[in-house]
Amino acid sequence: MRKRSVILNGHATSVSLEDAYWEEVHAMAVREGIPVAALIERIDRSRQGGNLSSAIRLAVLADYRARIAGE
């Protein structure tokens, strides 16, 4: 697990994510054609409690489930 700095709404914050999750965040952003920061901002806006790192992991899981269901 590594701590990574991200800028959200002009403010620096950090998230602790395993490399596999971080790689998938990048892949999600590429699939959606948006910057990673924009994807993380969207995840941050939609989270309901919990910390940002957990919200990102849940977003990765939801994306994975949606892609599996679509196959």
Protein backbone atom coordinates (compact mmCIF):
# COMPACT_ATOMS: atom_id res chain seq x y z
CA MET A 1 0.00 0.00 0.00
CA ARG A 2 1.26 3.44 -0.91
CA LYS A 3 0.10 6.89 -0.02
CA ARG A 4 -0.55 9.04 -3.07
CA SER A 5 -1.24 12.75 -3.27
CA VAL A 6 -4.19 13.98 -5.29
CA ILE A 7 -5.69 17.42 -5.84
CA LEU A 8 -9.43 17.62 -5.15
CA ASN A 9 -11.18 20.89 -5.84
CA GLY A 10 -7.87 22.74 -5.62
CA HIS A 11 -6.83 21.16 -2.32
CA ALA A 12 -4.13 18.53 -1.83
CA THR A 13 -5.11 15.36 -0.04
CA SER A 14 -3.69 11.87 0.12
CA VAL A 15 -5.13 8.41 -0.36
CA SER A 16 -3.65 5.08 0.64
CA LEU A 17 -4.26 2.47 -2.03
CA GLU A 18 -2.71 -0.78 -3.09
CA ASP A 19 -1.02 -0.68 -6.49
CA ALA A 20 -3.71 -2.89 -8.06
CA TYR A 21 -6.44 -0.42 -7.10
CA TRP A 22 -4.43 2.55 -8.31
CA GLU A 23 -3.83 0.84 -11.66
CA GLU A 24 -7.55 0.19 -12.00
CA VAL A 25 -8.39 3.81 -11.17
CA HIS A 26 -6.13 4.80 -14.07
CA ALA A 27 -7.81 2.25 -16.35
CA MET A 28 -11.27 3.51 -15.36
CA ALA A 29 -10.26 7.08 -16.17
CA VAL A 30 -8.91 6.01 -19.56
CA ARG A 31 -12.11 4.09 -20.37
CA GLU A 32 -14.18 7.14 -19.47
CA GLY A 33 -11.86 9.56 -21.26
CA ILE A 34 -11.34 11.76 -18.20
CA PRO A 35 -8.33 12.65 -16.06
CA VAL A 36 -7.72 10.57 -12.94
CA ALA A 37 -8.28 13.68 -10.80
CA ALA A 38 -11.75 14.17 -12.33
CA LEU A 39 -12.65 10.55 -11.61
CA ILE A 40 -11.49 10.82 -8.01
CA GLU A 41 -13.40 14.09 -7.57
CA ARG A 42 -16.56 12.35 -8.81
CA ILE A 43 -15.99 9.45 -6.41
CA ASP A 44 -15.41 11.93 -3.58
CA ARG A 45 -18.65 13.81 -4.33
CA SER A 46 -20.72 10.63 -4.40
CA ARG A 47 -19.35 8.90 -1.32
CA GLN A 48 -21.63 8.40 1.64
CA GLY A 49 -19.44 8.36 4.70
CA GLY A 50 -16.16 6.54 5.06
CA ASN A 51 -12.83 7.81 3.88
CA LEU A 52 -11.78 8.56 0.33
CA SER A 53 -9.52 5.52 0.02
CA SER A 54 -12.42 3.22 0.88
CA ALA A 55 -14.71 5.07 -1.51
CA ILE A 56 -12.19 4.57 -4.33
CA ARG A 57 -11.94 0.84 -3.60
CA LEU A 58 -15.74 0.56 -3.65
CA ALA A 59 -15.91 2.47 -6.94
CA VAL A 60 -13.36 0.09 -8.47
CA LEU A 61 -15.42 -2.87 -7.25
CA ALA A 62 -18.64 -1.37 -8.66
CA ASP A 63 -16.94 -0.76 -12.02
CA TYR A 64 -15.63 -4.31 -12.10
CA ARG A 65 -19.06 -5.74 -11.27
CA ALA A 66 -20.71 -3.62 -13.96
CA ARG A 67 -18.21 -4.76 -16.58
CA ILE A 68 -18.67 -8.42 -15.58
CA ALA A 69 -22.46 -8.08 -15.77
CA GLY A 70 -22.14 -6.54 -19.24
CA GLU A 71 -20.17 -9.46 -20.67
